[in-house]
C-alpha atoms as a PDB file:
ATOM      1  CA  MET A   1       7.150 -10.879  -9.447  1.00  0.00           C
ATOM      2  CA  TYR A   2       6.971 -10.445  -5.660  1.00  0.00           C
ATOM      3  CA  SER A   3       9.167 -13.516  -5.160  1.00  0.00           C
ATOM      4  CA  LYS A   4      11.746 -12.127  -7.584  1.00  0.00           C
ATOM      5  CA  LEU A   5      11.894  -8.759  -5.834  1.00  0.00           C
ATOM      6  CA  PHE A   6      11.849 -10.230  -2.319  1.00  0.00           C
ATOM      7  CA  PRO A   7      13.289 -13.759  -2.467  1.00  0.00           C
ATOM      8  CA  ASP A   8      13.714 -13.943   1.328  1.00  0.00           C
ATOM      9  CA  LYS A   9      10.138 -12.934   2.104  1.00  0.00           C
ATOM     10  CA  ALA A  10       7.129 -15.249   2.155  1.00  0.00           C
ATOM     11  CA  LEU A  11       4.290 -14.501  -0.228  1.00  0.00           C
ATOM     12  CA  PRO A  12       1.312 -12.788   1.424  1.00  0.00           C
ATOM     13  CA  SER A  13      -1.496 -15.221   2.232  1.00  0.00           C
ATOM     14  CA  GLU A  14      -4.498 -15.618  -0.027  1.00  0.00           C
ATOM     15  CA  SER A  15      -6.761 -14.307   2.741  1.00  0.00           C
ATOM     16  CA  PHE A  16      -4.625 -11.162   3.111  1.00  0.00           C
ATOM     17  CA  LEU A  17      -4.638 -10.591  -0.661  1.00  0.00           C
ATOM     18  CA  THR A  18      -8.426 -11.026  -0.859  1.00  0.00           C
ATOM     19  CA  TRP A  19      -8.899  -8.549   2.002  1.00  0.00           C
ATOM     20  CA  PHE A  20      -6.358  -6.149   0.460  1.00  0.00           C
ATOM     21  CA  ILE A  21      -8.116  -6.195  -2.926  1.00  0.00           C
ATOM     22  CA  GLY A  22     -11.426  -5.308  -1.263  1.00  0.00           C
ATOM     23  CA  LEU A  23      -9.843  -2.532   0.789  1.00  0.00           C
ATOM     24  CA  THR A  24      -8.113  -1.162  -2.308  1.00  0.00           C
ATOM     25  CA  GLU A  25     -11.363  -1.135  -4.280  1.00  0.00           C
ATOM     26  CA  GLY A  26     -12.927   1.047  -1.591  1.00  0.00           C
ATOM     27  CA  ASP A  27     -10.081   3.134  -0.203  1.00  0.00           C
ATOM     28  CA  GLY A  28      -7.241   2.828  -2.707  1.00  0.00           C
ATOM     29  CA  SER A  29      -6.279   4.543  -5.910  1.00  0.00           C
ATOM     30  CA  PHE A  30      -3.602   4.872  -8.521  1.00  0.00           C
ATOM     31  CA  ILE A  31      -2.423   8.438  -9.042  1.00  0.00           C
ATOM     32  CA  ILE A  32      -0.182  10.003 -11.646  1.00  0.00           C
ATOM     33  CA  ASN A  33       1.758  12.797  -9.957  1.00  0.00           C
ATOM     34  CA  LYS A  34       3.063  16.054 -11.429  1.00  0.00           C
ATOM     35  CA  HIS A  35       6.245  14.239 -12.547  1.00  0.00           C
ATOM     36  CA  ASN A  36       4.121  11.747 -14.513  1.00  0.00           C
ATOM     37  CA  ALA A  37       5.011   8.915 -12.113  1.00  0.00           C
ATOM     38  CA  LEU A  38       2.476   6.277 -11.041  1.00  0.00           C
ATOM     39  CA  ILE A  39       1.743   6.066  -7.311  1.00  0.00           C
ATOM     40  CA  PHE A  40      -0.461   3.595  -5.418  1.00  0.00           C
ATOM     41  CA  VAL A  41      -2.284   5.009  -2.371  1.00  0.00           C
ATOM     42  CA  VAL A  42      -4.576   3.643   0.335  1.00  0.00           C
ATOM     43  CA  THR A  43      -6.153   6.295   2.567  1.00  0.00           C
ATOM     44  CA  GLN A  44      -7.487   5.776   6.091  1.00  0.00           C
ATOM     45  CA  GLY A  45      -8.566   7.963   8.971  1.00  0.00           C
ATOM     46  CA  THR A  46      -6.013   8.252  11.762  1.00  0.00           C
ATOM     47  CA  PRO A  47      -8.002   5.928  14.089  1.00  0.00           C
ATOM     48  CA  ASN A  48      -7.437   3.189  11.467  1.00  0.00           C
ATOM     49  CA  ILE A  49      -3.690   3.674  11.026  1.00  0.00           C
ATOM     50  CA  GLN A  50      -3.200   0.072  12.229  1.00  0.00           C
ATOM     51  CA  ILE A  51      -4.699  -1.069   8.920  1.00  0.00           C
ATOM     52  CA  LEU A  52      -1.985   0.786   7.004  1.00  0.00           C
ATOM     53  CA  LEU A  53       0.723  -0.551   9.314  1.00  0.00           C
ATOM     54  CA  HIS A  54      -0.587  -4.087   8.744  1.00  0.00           C
ATOM     55  CA  ILE A  55      -0.352  -3.629   4.968  1.00  0.00           C
ATOM     56  CA  GLN A  56       3.148  -2.179   5.191  1.00  0.00           C
ATOM     57  CA  ASN A  57       4.358  -4.934   7.519  1.00  0.00           C
ATOM     58  CA  THR A  58       2.808  -7.704   5.428  1.00  0.00           C
ATOM     59  CA  LEU A  59       4.056  -6.472   2.067  1.00  0.00           C
ATOM     60  CA  GLY A  60       7.366  -5.096   3.340  1.00  0.00           C
ATOM     61  CA  ILE A  61       7.176  -2.106   0.996  1.00  0.00           C
ATOM     62  CA  GLY A  62       5.743   1.390   0.909  1.00  0.00           C
ATOM     63  CA  ARG A  63       5.556   4.131   3.470  1.00  0.00           C
ATOM     64  CA  ILE A  64       2.897   5.794   5.588  1.00  0.00           C
ATOM     65  CA  ILE A  65       2.488   9.546   5.692  1.00  0.00           C
ATOM     66  CA  LYS A  66       0.241  11.861   7.655  1.00  0.00           C
ATOM     67  CA  GLN A  67      -1.948  13.670   5.112  1.00  0.00           C
ATOM     68  CA  GLY A  68      -3.759  15.941   7.547  1.00  0.00           C
ATOM     69  CA  PRO A  69      -4.879  16.073  11.156  1.00  0.00           C
ATOM     70  CA  ARG A  70      -7.178  13.052  10.730  1.00  0.00           C
ATOM     71  CA  VAL A  71      -5.904  11.203   7.641  1.00  0.00           C
ATOM     72  CA  HIS A  72      -2.966   8.899   6.864  1.00  0.00           C
ATOM     73  CA  ARG A  73      -1.909   7.366   3.572  1.00  0.00           C
ATOM     74  CA  TYR A  74      -0.023   4.205   2.675  1.00  0.00           C
ATOM     75  CA  ILE A  75       1.989   4.964  -0.461  1.00  0.00           C
ATOM     76  CA  ILE A  76       3.978   2.859  -2.913  1.00  0.00           C
ATOM     77  CA  GLU A  77       6.025   4.957  -5.321  1.00  0.00           C
ATOM     78  CA  LYS A  78       8.653   2.600  -6.718  1.00  0.00           C
ATOM     79  CA  LYS A  79       7.605   1.529 -10.186  1.00  0.00           C
ATOM     80  CA  GLU A  80       8.938  -2.016  -9.735  1.00  0.00           C
ATOM     81  CA  HIS A  81       6.846  -2.411  -6.565  1.00  0.00           C
ATOM     82  CA  ILE A  82       3.638  -1.329  -8.332  1.00  0.00           C
ATOM     83  CA  GLU A  83       4.063  -3.512 -11.413  1.00  0.00           C
END
């Protein structure tokens, strides 16, 4: 599916995907918002924002928001990017 959505982008490496799965199991979640839309989130403390930037740069999707004075979130909201 990734190749169909992003034909000009290389697939993420197996080592990245293995790492990303582990990170998601610990610090990620799927949320249904008040509009009944599915959202994928990975949360990190501000000192670890480089982790979120690495994910965003590798996948080429999502955005990073500041959740509070010491927390940032990587968020994917587009349904086709979550599927």
